Amino acid sequence: MSLKSMKPLARAPLLHVSVQESLRAYVSDNGLKPGTLLPAESELANQLGVSRNSLREGIKALESLGVLESRRGVGIFVKAFSFEPLLDNLAYGLGGALRQIEEVIEIRRTLEVGLIGKTLEMIGDDDIAELRATVDRMRVHAERGQSFADEDQLFHTLLFRCQNNETLARLIDVFWLAFYKASDFVNLDNVDPVATWRDHAAIVDAIEARDVAEAQKRLDRHYDGISRVIAANKKSANVGGTQ
């Protein structure tokens, strides 16, 4: 395969940033797929007109972003896209800022409520049965006063699995994990797990009945509950831009 060469850098300031941009452009311009081995460091540094140390700085930065992957003794590879670096940075970026967490939840709410109608057009009996079984496990935990984060995440994944939309599934995971990673910084415990279980059960009832309007209403109401958890924590902690 004939690859396009990178152009030497034209500007010196923020050299590590320039190296990153050029490496990104190199991957994009050549349509390199995940798993593709890049040329040796010496060749890349020569094409860019920079030292190998500067090149390595840029490579390390792109590794932290999940763009490239270095394998010792083998070389530098294009890495498959992943939301994980975004999740890690997003969680720490949110920190205790409940206002930003509220914004993330609102985006997720709009996304799920807007797409639940398509789910009702496509969902099969097997997926509905899995949703019901998941809700039953939620009930067991709720009646014991226990949280059920794993079942909750699975529930929302199952809601949209039938759409076979990989980007949607990843976005739901992003919003979900951002919320729970933020729990490392602020207390976002659910004070009423029974009410949350009932919210989920009502959503499944509406889906089983193939009632789009009711499913949208119940899903939207469920997010009201999440918003109340955040509001309660905001009031008690006075964090997240409320000062």
C-alpha atoms as a PDB file:
ATOM      1  CA  MET A   1       0.000   0.000   0.000  1.00  0.00           C
ATOM      2  CA  SER A   2       1.365   3.412  -0.953  1.00  0.00           C
ATOM      3  CA  LEU A   3       1.071   5.814   1.986  1.00  0.00           C
ATOM      4  CA  LYS A   4       1.027   9.586   1.878  1.00  0.00           C
ATOM      5  CA  SER A   5       3.883  11.217   3.755  1.00  0.00           C
ATOM      6  CA  MET A   6       3.410  13.780   6.506  1.00  0.00           C
ATOM      7  CA  LYS A   7       4.512  17.335   5.859  1.00  0.00           C
ATOM      8  CA  PRO A   8       7.242  18.814   8.103  1.00  0.00           C
ATOM      9  CA  LEU A   9       5.859  21.092  10.808  1.00  0.00           C
ATOM     10  CA  ALA A  10       5.726  24.737   9.872  1.00  0.00           C
ATOM     11  CA  ARG A  11       5.421  26.176  13.369  1.00  0.00           C
ATOM     12  CA  ALA A  12       7.544  25.678  16.447  1.00  0.00           C
ATOM     13  CA  PRO A  13       5.270  26.801  19.333  1.00  0.00           C
ATOM     14  CA  LEU A  14       3.462  24.004  21.181  1.00  0.00           C
ATOM     15  CA  LEU A  15       5.458  21.411  19.329  1.00  0.00           C
ATOM     16  CA  HIS A  16       3.866  18.445  21.093  1.00  0.00           C
ATOM     17  CA  VAL A  17       0.423  19.663  19.990  1.00  0.00           C
ATOM     18  CA  SER A  18       1.614  20.047  16.415  1.00  0.00           C
ATOM     19  CA  VAL A  19       3.025  16.524  16.493  1.00  0.00           C
ATOM     20  CA  GLN A  20      -0.313  15.177  17.721  1.00  0.00           C
ATOM     21  CA  GLU A  21      -2.223  17.000  14.996  1.00  0.00           C
ATOM     22  CA  SER A  22       0.122  15.728  12.302  1.00  0.00           C
ATOM     23  CA  LEU A  23      -0.089  12.147  13.543  1.00  0.00           C
ATOM     24  CA  ARG A  24      -3.889  12.354  13.606  1.00  0.00           C
ATOM     25  CA  ALA A  25      -3.896  13.755  10.075  1.00  0.00           C
ATOM     26  CA  TYR A  26      -1.538  10.998   8.929  1.00  0.00           C
ATOM     27  CA  VAL A  27      -3.900   8.308  10.217  1.00  0.00           C
ATOM     28  CA  SER A  28      -6.928  10.061   8.703  1.00  0.00           C
ATOM     29  CA  ASP A  29      -5.375  10.975   5.319  1.00  0.00           C
ATOM     30  CA  ASN A  30      -4.210   7.417   4.771  1.00  0.00           C
ATOM     31  CA  GLY A  31      -7.440   5.837   5.988  1.00  0.00           C
ATOM     32  CA  LEU A  32      -5.516   3.664   8.439  1.00  0.00           C
ATOM     33  CA  LYS A  33      -7.657   1.083  10.209  1.00  0.00           C
ATOM     34  CA  PRO A  34      -7.385  -0.065  13.849  1.00  0.00           C
ATOM     35  CA  GLY A  35      -4.478  -2.467  14.203  1.00  0.00           C
ATOM     36  CA  THR A  36      -2.421  -0.856  11.428  1.00  0.00           C
ATOM     37  CA  LEU A  37       1.290  -0.638  12.243  1.00  0.00           C
ATOM     38  CA  LEU A  38       2.741   2.856  11.746  1.00  0.00           C
ATOM     39  CA  PRO A  39       6.214   3.430  10.293  1.00  0.00           C
ATOM     40  CA  ALA A  40       9.169   3.302  12.692  1.00  0.00           C
ATOM     41  CA  GLU A  41       9.717   6.242  15.060  1.00  0.00           C
ATOM     42  CA  SER A  42      12.826   7.314  13.168  1.00  0.00           C
ATOM     43  CA  GLU A  43      10.899   7.550   9.907  1.00  0.00           C
ATOM     44  CA  LEU A  44       7.980   9.432  11.468  1.00  0.00           C
ATOM     45  CA  ALA A  45      10.331  11.882  13.197  1.00  0.00           C
ATOM     46  CA  ASN A  46      12.183  12.433   9.924  1.00  0.00           C
ATOM     47  CA  GLN A  47       8.948  13.122   8.010  1.00  0.00           C
ATOM     48  CA  LEU A  48       7.846  15.614  10.656  1.00  0.00           C
ATOM     49  CA  GLY A  49      11.249  17.243  10.987  1.00  0.00           C
ATOM     50  CA  VAL A  50      11.291  16.838  14.785  1.00  0.00           C
ATOM     51  CA  SER A  51      13.383  14.945  17.318  1.00  0.00           C
ATOM     52  CA  ARG A  52      12.388  11.462  18.405  1.00  0.00           C
ATOM     53  CA  ASN A  53      11.746  12.810  21.912  1.00  0.00           C
ATOM     54  CA  SER A  54       9.208  15.295  20.552  1.00  0.00           C
ATOM     55  CA  LEU A  55       7.611  12.546  18.504  1.00  0.00           C
ATOM     56  CA  ARG A  56       7.339  10.313  21.569  1.00  0.00           C
ATOM     57  CA  GLU A  57       5.633  13.115  23.513  1.00  0.00           C
ATOM     58  CA  GLY A  58       2.992  13.353  20.812  1.00  0.00           C
ATOM     59  CA  ILE A  59       2.561   9.574  20.680  1.00  0.00           C
ATOM     60  CA  LYS A  60       2.136   9.365  24.462  1.00  0.00           C
ATOM     61  CA  ALA A  61      -0.526  12.067  24.355  1.00  0.00           C
ATOM     62  CA  LEU A  62      -2.439  10.206  21.632  1.00  0.00           C
ATOM     63  CA  GLU A  63      -2.111   6.981  23.623  1.00  0.00           C
ATOM     64  CA  SER A  64      -3.821   8.682  26.573  1.00  0.00           C
ATOM     65  CA  LEU A  65      -6.644   9.688  24.221  1.00  0.00           C
ATOM     66  CA  GLY A  66      -6.979   6.160  22.863  1.00  0.00           C
ATOM     67  CA  VAL A  67      -5.864   7.042  19.324  1.00  0.00           C
ATOM     68  CA  LEU A  68      -2.577   5.127  19.221  1.00  0.00           C
ATOM     69  CA  GLU A  69      -1.137   2.145  21.058  1.00  0.00           C
ATOM     70  CA  SER A  70       2.567   1.398  21.616  1.00  0.00           C
ATOM     71  CA  ARG A  71       3.614  -2.233  21.909  1.00  0.00           C
ATOM     72  CA  ARG A  72       7.095  -2.664  23.292  1.00  0.00           C
ATOM     73  CA  GLY A  73       9.441  -4.318  20.847  1.00  0.00           C
ATOM     74  CA  VAL A  74       6.808  -4.297  18.097  1.00  0.00           C
ATOM     75  CA  GLY A  75       5.853  -0.717  17.211  1.00  0.00           C
ATOM     76  CA  ILE A  76       3.068   1.868  17.201  1.00  0.00           C
ATOM     77  CA  PHE A  77      -0.418   0.869  16.121  1.00  0.00           C
ATOM     78  CA  VAL A  78      -3.662   2.654  15.325  1.00  0.00           C
ATOM     79  CA  LYS A  79      -6.065   1.845  18.136  1.00  0.00           C
ATOM     80  CA  ALA A  80      -9.738   0.979  17.768  1.00  0.00           C
ATOM     81  CA  PHE A  81     -12.027   3.824  18.809  1.00  0.00           C
ATOM     82  CA  SER A  82     -13.200   3.698  22.408  1.00  0.00           C
ATOM     83  CA  PHE A  83     -15.190   6.006  24.653  1.00  0.00           C
ATOM     84  CA  GLU A  84     -13.168   4.943  27.710  1.00  0.00           C
ATOM     85  CA  PRO A  85     -10.638   7.837  27.633  1.00  0.00           C
ATOM     86  CA  LEU A  86     -13.558  10.251  27.242  1.00  0.00           C
ATOM     87  CA  LEU A  87     -15.341   8.641  30.182  1.00  0.00           C
ATOM     88  CA  ASP A  88     -12.325   8.922  32.440  1.00  0.00           C
ATOM     89  CA  ASN A  89     -11.730  12.560  31.542  1.00  0.00           C
ATOM     90  CA  LEU A  90     -15.422  13.412  31.710  1.00  0.00           C
ATOM     91  CA  ALA A  91     -15.802  11.951  35.184  1.00  0.00           C
ATOM     92  CA  TYR A  92     -12.856  13.858  36.584  1.00  0.00           C
ATOM     93  CA  GLY A  93     -13.898  16.951  34.684  1.00  0.00           C
ATOM     94  CA  LEU A  94     -17.329  16.802  36.275  1.00  0.00           C
ATOM     95  CA  GLY A  95     -15.918  16.237  39.724  1.00  0.00           C
ATOM     96  CA  GLY A  96     -18.422  17.533  42.230  1.00  0.00           C
ATOM     97  CA  ALA A  97     -20.085  19.898  39.779  1.00  0.00           C
ATOM     98  CA  LEU A  98     -23.695  18.767  39.965  1.00  0.00           C
ATOM     99  CA  ARG A  99     -24.784  21.398  37.445  1.00  0.00           C
ATOM    100  CA  GLN A 100     -22.732  19.684  34.713  1.00  0.00           C
ATOM    101  CA  ILE A 101     -24.023  16.277  35.812  1.00  0.00           C
ATOM    102  CA  GLU A 102     -27.573  17.604  35.433  1.00  0.00           C
ATOM    103  CA  GLU A 103     -26.747  18.692  31.887  1.00  0.00           C
ATOM    104  CA  VAL A 104     -25.416  15.231  31.014  1.00  0.00           C
ATOM    105  CA  ILE A 105     -28.568  13.620  32.421  1.00  0.00           C
ATOM    106  CA  GLU A 106     -30.797  16.009  30.465  1.00  0.00           C
ATOM    107  CA  ILE A 107     -29.087  15.067  27.204  1.00  0.00           C
ATOM    108  CA  ARG A 108     -29.519  11.377  28.002  1.00  0.00           C
ATOM    109  CA  ARG A 109     -33.161  11.933  28.924  1.00  0.00           C
ATOM    110  CA  THR A 110     -33.906  13.680  25.634  1.00  0.00           C
ATOM    111  CA  LEU A 111     -32.110  10.969  23.676  1.00  0.00           C
ATOM    112  CA  GLU A 112     -33.921   8.040  25.286  1.00  0.00           C
ATOM    113  CA  VAL A 113     -37.398   9.596  25.348  1.00  0.00           C
ATOM    114  CA  GLY A 114     -37.020  10.622  21.710  1.00  0.00           C
ATOM    115  CA  LEU A 115     -35.962   7.149  20.550  1.00  0.00           C
ATOM    116  CA  ILE A 116     -38.227   4.918  22.645  1.00  0.00           C
ATOM    117  CA  GLY A 117     -40.887   5.023  19.908  1.00  0.00           C
ATOM    118  CA  LYS A 118     -38.516   3.294  17.501  1.00  0.00           C
ATOM    119  CA  THR A 119     -37.872   0.640  20.129  1.00  0.00           C
ATOM    120  CA  LEU A 120     -41.591  -0.130  20.313  1.00  0.00           C
ATOM    121  CA  GLU A 121     -41.620  -0.631  16.548  1.00  0.00           C
ATOM    122  CA  MET A 122     -38.719  -3.101  16.656  1.00  0.00           C
ATOM    123  CA  ILE A 123     -38.561  -4.811  20.043  1.00  0.00           C
ATOM    124  CA  GLY A 124     -39.286  -8.522  20.213  1.00  0.00           C
ATOM    125  CA  ASP A 125     -40.727 -10.773  22.902  1.00  0.00           C
ATOM    126  CA  ASP A 126     -37.281 -12.020  23.959  1.00  0.00           C
ATOM    127  CA  ASP A 127     -36.047  -8.515  24.727  1.00  0.00           C
ATOM    128  CA  ILE A 128     -39.247  -7.706  26.631  1.00  0.00           C
ATOM    129  CA  ALA A 129     -38.795 -10.896  28.669  1.00  0.00           C
ATOM    130  CA  GLU A 130     -35.231  -9.831  29.517  1.00  0.00           C
ATOM    131  CA  LEU A 131     -36.469  -6.400  30.553  1.00  0.00           C
ATOM    132  CA  ARG A 132     -39.082  -7.990  32.806  1.00  0.00           C
ATOM    133  CA  ALA A 133     -36.514 -10.336  34.371  1.00  0.00           C
ATOM    134  CA  THR A 134     -34.201  -7.388  35.004  1.00  0.00           C
ATOM    135  CA  VAL A 135     -37.020  -5.455  36.686  1.00  0.00           C
ATOM    136  CA  ASP A 136     -37.775  -8.492  38.869  1.00  0.00           C
ATOM    137  CA  ARG A 137     -34.182  -8.480  40.087  1.00  0.00           C
ATOM    138  CA  MET A 138     -34.509  -4.759  40.798  1.00  0.00           C
ATOM    139  CA  ARG A 139     -37.568  -5.487  42.947  1.00  0.00           C
ATOM    140  CA  VAL A 140     -35.654  -8.011  45.061  1.00  0.00           C
ATOM    141  CA  HIS A 141     -32.883  -5.472  45.725  1.00  0.00           C
ATOM    142  CA  ALA A 142     -35.330  -2.617  46.311  1.00  0.00           C
ATOM    143  CA  GLU A 143     -37.341  -4.553  48.887  1.00  0.00           C
ATOM    144  CA  ARG A 144     -34.090  -5.143  50.775  1.00  0.00           C
ATOM    145  CA  GLY A 145     -33.271  -1.441  50.638  1.00  0.00           C
ATOM    146  CA  GLN A 146     -30.366  -2.128  48.283  1.00  0.00           C
ATOM    147  CA  SER A 147     -29.289  -0.204  45.189  1.00  0.00           C
ATOM    148  CA  PHE A 148     -29.173  -1.966  41.809  1.00  0.00           C
ATOM    149  CA  ALA A 149     -26.877   0.023  39.545  1.00  0.00           C
ATOM    150  CA  ASP A 150     -25.883  -2.985  37.421  1.00  0.00           C
ATOM    151  CA  GLU A 151     -29.484  -3.943  36.710  1.00  0.00           C
ATOM    152  CA  ASP A 152     -30.365  -0.311  36.005  1.00  0.00           C
ATOM    153  CA  GLN A 153     -27.590  -0.001  33.419  1.00  0.00           C
ATOM    154  CA  LEU A 154     -28.584  -3.302  31.816  1.00  0.00           C
ATOM    155  CA  PHE A 155     -32.212  -2.173  31.643  1.00  0.00           C
ATOM    156  CA  HIS A 156     -31.394   0.923  29.619  1.00  0.00           C
ATOM    157  CA  THR A 157     -29.101  -1.073  27.352  1.00  0.00           C
ATOM    158  CA  LEU A 158     -31.869  -3.610  26.707  1.00  0.00           C
ATOM    159  CA  LEU A 159     -34.350  -0.823  25.939  1.00  0.00           C
ATOM    160  CA  PHE A 160     -32.461   0.107  22.793  1.00  0.00           C
ATOM    161  CA  ARG A 161     -30.594  -3.085  21.901  1.00  0.00           C
ATOM    162  CA  CYS A 162     -33.166  -3.992  19.251  1.00  0.00           C
ATOM    163  CA  GLN A 163     -32.256  -0.887  17.241  1.00  0.00           C
ATOM    164  CA  ASN A 164     -28.782  -2.294  16.501  1.00  0.00           C
ATOM    165  CA  ASN A 165     -27.350   1.216  16.721  1.00  0.00           C
ATOM    166  CA  GLU A 166     -23.802   0.888  18.040  1.00  0.00           C
ATOM    167  CA  THR A 167     -23.268   4.632  18.390  1.00  0.00           C
ATOM    168  CA  LEU A 168     -26.471   4.983  20.401  1.00  0.00           C
ATOM    169  CA  ALA A 169     -25.424   2.126  22.678  1.00  0.00           C
ATOM    170  CA  ARG A 170     -22.053   3.759  23.269  1.00  0.00           C
ATOM    171  CA  LEU A 171     -23.609   7.141  23.995  1.00  0.00           C
ATOM    172  CA  ILE A 172     -25.966   5.599  26.538  1.00  0.00           C
ATOM    173  CA  ASP A 173     -22.951   3.990  28.200  1.00  0.00           C
ATOM    174  CA  VAL A 174     -21.115   7.321  28.190  1.00  0.00           C
ATOM    175  CA  PHE A 175     -23.960   9.114  29.937  1.00  0.00           C
ATOM    176  CA  TRP A 176     -24.572   6.258  32.334  1.00  0.00           C
ATOM    177  CA  LEU A 177     -20.962   5.783  33.390  1.00  0.00           C
ATOM    178  CA  ALA A 178     -20.359   9.517  33.657  1.00  0.00           C
ATOM    179  CA  PHE A 179     -23.172   9.699  36.214  1.00  0.00           C
ATOM    180  CA  TYR A 180     -21.854   6.815  38.281  1.00  0.00           C
ATOM    181  CA  LYS A 181     -18.216   7.855  37.996  1.00  0.00           C
ATOM    182  CA  ALA A 182     -19.329  11.231  39.327  1.00  0.00           C
ATOM    183  CA  SER A 183     -20.574   9.350  42.396  1.00  0.00           C
ATOM    184  CA  ASP A 184     -16.903   9.025  43.335  1.00  0.00           C
ATOM    185  CA  PHE A 185     -16.923  12.770  43.970  1.00  0.00           C
ATOM    186  CA  VAL A 186     -20.433  13.466  45.306  1.00  0.00           C
ATOM    187  CA  ASN A 187     -23.057  11.320  46.993  1.00  0.00           C
ATOM    188  CA  LEU A 188     -25.631  10.363  44.370  1.00  0.00           C
ATOM    189  CA  ASP A 189     -27.175   7.461  46.258  1.00  0.00           C
ATOM    190  CA  ASN A 190     -30.792   6.669  45.480  1.00  0.00           C
ATOM    191  CA  VAL A 191     -32.827   7.297  48.635  1.00  0.00           C
ATOM    192  CA  ASP A 192     -35.926   5.514  47.294  1.00  0.00           C
ATOM    193  CA  PRO A 193     -34.992   2.324  45.390  1.00  0.00           C
ATOM    194  CA  VAL A 194     -38.590   1.041  45.560  1.00  0.00           C
ATOM    195  CA  ALA A 195     -39.846   4.060  43.613  1.00  0.00           C
ATOM    196  CA  THR A 196     -37.067   3.553  41.056  1.00  0.00           C
ATOM    197  CA  TRP A 197     -38.006  -0.115  40.638  1.00  0.00           C
ATOM    198  CA  ARG A 198     -41.651   0.877  40.082  1.00  0.00           C
ATOM    199  CA  ASP A 199     -40.574   3.434  37.469  1.00  0.00           C
ATOM    200  CA  HIS A 200     -38.813   0.709  35.506  1.00  0.00           C
ATOM    201  CA  ALA A 201     -41.709  -1.721  35.874  1.00  0.00           C
ATOM    202  CA  ALA A 202     -44.099   0.911  34.491  1.00  0.00           C
ATOM    203  CA  ILE A 203     -41.842   1.446  31.482  1.00  0.00           C
ATOM    204  CA  VAL A 204     -41.905  -2.282  30.697  1.00  0.00           C
ATOM    205  CA  ASP A 205     -45.712  -2.336  31.106  1.00  0.00           C
ATOM    206  CA  ALA A 206     -46.019   0.430  28.509  1.00  0.00           C
ATOM    207  CA  ILE A 207     -43.626  -1.330  26.142  1.00  0.00           C
ATOM    208  CA  GLU A 208     -45.533  -4.599  26.475  1.00  0.00           C
ATOM    209  CA  ALA A 209     -48.746  -2.727  25.678  1.00  0.00           C
ATOM    210  CA  ARG A 210     -47.031  -1.104  22.656  1.00  0.00           C
ATOM    211  CA  ASP A 211     -48.168   2.286  23.987  1.00  0.00           C
ATOM    212  CA  VAL A 212     -45.648   4.848  22.707  1.00  0.00           C
ATOM    213  CA  ALA A 213     -47.122   7.853  24.512  1.00  0.00           C
ATOM    214  CA  GLU A 214     -47.223   6.003  27.832  1.00  0.00           C
ATOM    215  CA  ALA A 215     -43.669   4.672  27.386  1.00  0.00           C
ATOM    216  CA  GLN A 216     -42.414   8.199  26.712  1.00  0.00           C
ATOM    217  CA  LYS A 217     -44.293   9.551  29.736  1.00  0.00           C
ATOM    218  CA  ARG A 218     -43.010   6.827  32.054  1.00  0.00           C
ATOM    219  CA  LEU A 219     -39.433   7.161  30.822  1.00  0.00           C
ATOM    220  CA  ASP A 220     -39.568  10.916  31.236  1.00  0.00           C
ATOM    221  CA  ARG A 221     -41.006  10.506  34.745  1.00  0.00           C
ATOM    222  CA  HIS A 222     -38.164   8.139  35.595  1.00  0.00           C
ATOM    223  CA  TYR A 223     -35.693  10.905  34.799  1.00  0.00           C
ATOM    224  CA  ASP A 224     -37.631  13.210  37.106  1.00  0.00           C
ATOM    225  CA  GLY A 225     -36.633  10.783  39.854  1.00  0.00           C
ATOM    226  CA  ILE A 226     -32.962  10.991  38.899  1.00  0.00           C
ATOM    227  CA  SER A 227     -33.211  14.771  38.849  1.00  0.00           C
ATOM    228  CA  ARG A 228     -34.652  14.708  42.369  1.00  0.00           C
ATOM    229  CA  VAL A 229     -31.670  12.682  43.599  1.00  0.00           C
ATOM    230  CA  ILE A 230     -29.308  15.294  42.141  1.00  0.00           C
ATOM    231  CA  ALA A 231     -31.380  18.182  43.496  1.00  0.00           C
ATOM    232  CA  ALA A 232     -31.388  16.674  46.998  1.00  0.00           C
ATOM    233  CA  ASN A 233     -27.612  16.351  46.937  1.00  0.00           C
ATOM    234  CA  LYS A 234     -27.218  19.840  45.549  1.00  0.00           C
ATOM    235  CA  LYS A 235     -29.317  21.240  48.391  1.00  0.00           C
ATOM    236  CA  SER A 236     -27.466  19.355  51.126  1.00  0.00           C
ATOM    237  CA  ALA A 237     -23.959  19.840  49.761  1.00  0.00           C
ATOM    238  CA  ASN A 238     -24.338  23.230  48.081  1.00  0.00           C
ATOM    239  CA  VAL A 239     -21.937  22.179  45.319  1.00  0.00           C
ATOM    240  CA  GLY A 240     -21.857  22.209  41.533  1.00  0.00           C
ATOM    241  CA  GLY A 241     -22.083  25.918  40.878  1.00  0.00           C
ATOM    242  CA  THR A 242     -24.896  26.670  43.332  1.00  0.00           C
ATOM    243  CA  GLN A 243     -22.893  29.014  45.532  1.00  0.00           C
END
